[in-house]
Amino acid sequence: MSQIPTDRGAFQSLTLKSAAAIAIAAAASRLGVELPAGAAQELAGAGIDLVVTLGLIGVAVGRSRARGPIA
């Protein structure tokens, strides 16, 4: 089954990445930190990847500890 461009996961959403980048840039500005060009976007992408990876690890650990069948 191929994935069409309009059928992407929420973590791949440009809107989500843009919102995270704006939040990072706003927080950095509030703290008086000047970010290089593109740094907020890179940090947003890395943060989203981290959250997704930790979520998948949590699911794997939860499934390995589960005692019953998947319902």
N, C-alpha and C. Protein backbone atom coordinates (compact mmCIF):
# COMPACT_ATOMS: atom_id res chain seq x y z
N MET A 1 0.85 -1.18 0.00
CA MET A 1 0.00 0.00 0.00
C MET A 1 0.89 1.23 0.00
N SER A 2 0.76 2.06 -1.03
CA SER A 2 1.58 3.26 -1.10
C SER A 2 0.90 4.41 -0.37
N GLN A 3 1.70 5.28 0.10
CA GLN A 3 1.19 6.43 0.86
C GLN A 3 1.10 7.63 -0.07
N ILE A 4 -0.11 8.17 -0.21
CA ILE A 4 -0.27 9.35 -1.06
C ILE A 4 0.12 10.59 -0.27
N PRO A 5 0.56 11.66 -0.93
CA PRO A 5 1.04 12.85 -0.23
C PRO A 5 0.04 13.47 0.74
N THR A 6 -1.26 13.34 0.47
CA THR A 6 -2.25 13.94 1.36
C THR A 6 -2.56 13.05 2.56
N ASP A 7 -2.00 11.85 2.59
CA ASP A 7 -2.27 10.91 3.68
C ASP A 7 -1.03 10.75 4.55
N ARG A 8 -0.68 11.82 5.26
CA ARG A 8 0.52 11.81 6.11
C ARG A 8 0.10 11.82 7.57
N GLY A 9 0.98 11.35 8.41
CA GLY A 9 0.72 11.37 9.83
C GLY A 9 0.79 12.78 10.39
N ALA A 10 0.20 12.98 11.54
CA ALA A 10 0.18 14.31 12.16
C ALA A 10 1.59 14.81 12.46
N PHE A 11 2.50 13.93 12.79
CA PHE A 11 3.86 14.36 13.11
C PHE A 11 4.63 14.82 11.88
N GLN A 12 4.13 14.51 10.68
CA GLN A 12 4.77 14.97 9.45
C GLN A 12 4.11 16.24 8.93
N SER A 13 3.13 16.74 9.63
CA SER A 13 2.38 17.91 9.19
C SER A 13 3.25 19.16 9.19
N LEU A 14 3.20 19.90 8.09
CA LEU A 14 3.94 21.15 8.02
C LEU A 14 3.34 22.18 8.97
N THR A 15 2.04 22.10 9.20
CA THR A 15 1.39 23.02 10.13
C THR A 15 1.92 22.80 11.54
N LEU A 16 2.05 21.54 11.93
CA LEU A 16 2.56 21.23 13.27
C LEU A 16 4.01 21.69 13.41
N LYS A 17 4.83 21.42 12.39
CA LYS A 17 6.22 21.84 12.44
C LYS A 17 6.33 23.37 12.46
N SER A 18 5.49 24.04 11.69
CA SER A 18 5.51 25.50 11.67
C SER A 18 5.11 26.07 13.03
N ALA A 19 4.09 25.49 13.63
CA ALA A 19 3.65 25.96 14.94
C ALA A 19 4.74 25.75 15.99
N ALA A 20 5.40 24.60 15.93
CA ALA A 20 6.49 24.33 16.87
C ALA A 20 7.65 25.29 16.64
N ALA A 21 7.97 25.56 15.38
CA ALA A 21 9.06 26.48 15.06
C ALA A 21 8.75 27.89 15.55
N ILE A 22 7.50 28.32 15.39
CA ILE A 22 7.10 29.64 15.87
C ILE A 22 7.20 29.70 17.39
N ALA A 23 6.77 28.64 18.07
CA ALA A 23 6.85 28.60 19.53
C ALA A 23 8.30 28.66 20.01
N ILE A 24 9.18 27.93 19.33
CA ILE A 24 10.60 27.93 19.70
C ILE A 24 11.21 29.30 19.46
N ALA A 25 10.90 29.90 18.32
CA ALA A 25 11.44 31.23 18.02
C ALA A 25 10.92 32.27 19.01
N ALA A 26 9.65 32.17 19.37
CA ALA A 26 9.08 33.11 20.34
C ALA A 26 9.71 32.94 21.72
N ALA A 27 9.92 31.70 22.13
CA ALA A 27 10.55 31.45 23.44
C ALA A 27 12.00 31.95 23.44
N ALA A 28 12.71 31.71 22.36
CA ALA A 28 14.10 32.19 22.27
C ALA A 28 14.15 33.70 22.31
N SER A 29 13.24 34.34 21.60
CA SER A 29 13.18 35.79 21.60
C SER A 29 12.87 36.33 22.99
N ARG A 30 11.96 35.67 23.67
CA ARG A 30 11.57 36.08 25.03
C ARG A 30 12.74 35.97 26.00
N LEU A 31 13.58 34.96 25.77
CA LEU A 31 14.75 34.75 26.64
C LEU A 31 15.95 35.57 26.19
N GLY A 32 15.81 36.26 25.06
CA GLY A 32 16.91 37.08 24.57
C GLY A 32 17.97 36.31 23.82
N VAL A 33 17.63 35.11 23.34
CA VAL A 33 18.56 34.28 22.60
C VAL A 33 18.32 34.50 21.11
N GLU A 34 19.38 34.79 20.36
CA GLU A 34 19.25 34.97 18.93
C GLU A 34 19.63 33.67 18.23
N LEU A 35 18.65 33.09 17.53
CA LEU A 35 18.88 31.82 16.84
C LEU A 35 19.36 32.09 15.42
N PRO A 36 20.27 31.26 14.91
CA PRO A 36 20.68 31.39 13.51
C PRO A 36 19.50 31.07 12.58
N ALA A 37 19.61 31.49 11.34
CA ALA A 37 18.54 31.24 10.37
C ALA A 37 18.28 29.74 10.22
N GLY A 38 17.04 29.34 10.32
CA GLY A 38 16.66 27.94 10.17
C GLY A 38 16.79 27.10 11.42
N ALA A 39 17.34 27.65 12.49
CA ALA A 39 17.55 26.85 13.70
C ALA A 39 16.23 26.47 14.36
N ALA A 40 15.26 27.38 14.35
CA ALA A 40 13.97 27.08 14.97
C ALA A 40 13.28 25.93 14.24
N GLN A 41 13.37 25.91 12.91
CA GLN A 41 12.77 24.83 12.14
C GLN A 41 13.45 23.50 12.42
N GLU A 42 14.78 23.52 12.50
CA GLU A 42 15.52 22.29 12.79
C GLU A 42 15.20 21.77 14.20
N LEU A 43 15.13 22.68 15.16
CA LEU A 43 14.78 22.28 16.53
C LEU A 43 13.36 21.74 16.60
N ALA A 44 12.45 22.34 15.86
CA ALA A 44 11.07 21.87 15.84
C ALA A 44 10.99 20.45 15.26
N GLY A 45 11.67 20.23 14.16
CA GLY A 45 11.69 18.89 13.56
C GLY A 45 12.30 17.86 14.48
N ALA A 46 13.40 18.23 15.13
CA ALA A 46 14.05 17.31 16.07
C ALA A 46 13.16 17.03 17.27
N GLY A 47 12.48 18.05 17.76
CA GLY A 47 11.59 17.87 18.90
C GLY A 47 10.42 16.95 18.57
N ILE A 48 9.84 17.13 17.40
CA ILE A 48 8.73 16.27 16.98
C ILE A 48 9.21 14.84 16.81
N ASP A 49 10.37 14.66 16.20
CA ASP A 49 10.94 13.31 16.04
C ASP A 49 11.19 12.66 17.40
N LEU A 50 11.67 13.44 18.36
CA LEU A 50 11.93 12.91 19.70
C LEU A 50 10.63 12.46 20.37
N VAL A 51 9.60 13.28 20.27
CA VAL A 51 8.32 12.92 20.89
C VAL A 51 7.75 11.66 20.25
N VAL A 52 7.83 11.56 18.93
CA VAL A 52 7.31 10.37 18.24
C VAL A 52 8.10 9.13 18.64
N THR A 53 9.42 9.25 18.68
CA THR A 53 10.26 8.11 19.05
C THR A 53 9.98 7.66 20.48
N LEU A 54 9.88 8.61 21.40
CA LEU A 54 9.58 8.24 22.79
C LEU A 54 8.20 7.62 22.91
N GLY A 55 7.26 8.09 22.12
CA GLY A 55 5.92 7.49 22.12
C GLY A 55 5.95 6.06 21.63
N LEU A 56 6.70 5.82 20.56
CA LEU A 56 6.81 4.45 20.05
C LEU A 56 7.50 3.53 21.05
N ILE A 57 8.50 4.04 21.74
CA ILE A 57 9.17 3.25 22.78
C ILE A 57 8.19 2.93 23.90
N GLY A 58 7.39 3.93 24.28
CA GLY A 58 6.38 3.71 25.33
C GLY A 58 5.37 2.65 24.93
N VAL A 59 4.94 2.69 23.68
CA VAL A 59 3.99 1.68 23.20
C VAL A 59 4.62 0.30 23.22
N ALA A 60 5.88 0.21 22.78
CA ALA A 60 6.57 -1.09 22.76
C ALA A 60 6.72 -1.65 24.17
N VAL A 61 7.10 -0.80 25.10
CA VAL A 61 7.24 -1.25 26.49
C VAL A 61 5.89 -1.67 27.06
N GLY A 62 4.87 -0.87 26.78
CA GLY A 62 3.54 -1.20 27.27
C GLY A 62 3.03 -2.51 26.70
N ARG A 63 3.27 -2.75 25.41
CA ARG A 63 2.82 -4.02 24.81
C ARG A 63 3.60 -5.20 25.36
N SER A 64 4.89 -5.01 25.64
CA SER A 64 5.67 -6.13 26.16
C SER A 64 5.26 -6.46 27.59
N ARG A 65 4.71 -5.51 28.31
CA ARG A 65 4.28 -5.76 29.68
C ARG A 65 2.82 -6.18 29.77
N ALA A 66 2.09 -6.02 28.69
CA ALA A 66 0.66 -6.38 28.70
C ALA A 66 0.50 -7.88 28.89
N ARG A 67 -0.55 -8.23 29.57
CA ARG A 67 -0.76 -9.65 29.84
C ARG A 67 -1.89 -10.24 29.02
N GLY A 68 -2.76 -9.38 28.53
CA GLY A 68 -3.89 -9.87 27.78
C GLY A 68 -3.71 -9.65 26.29
N PRO A 69 -4.66 -10.15 25.52
CA PRO A 69 -4.59 -9.94 24.06
C PRO A 69 -4.91 -8.50 23.69
N ILE A 70 -4.48 -8.10 22.51
CA ILE A 70 -4.80 -6.76 22.03
C ILE A 70 -6.29 -6.72 21.74
N ALA A 71 -6.96 -5.72 22.31
CA ALA A 71 -8.41 -5.64 22.13
C ALA A 71 -8.77 -4.63 21.08
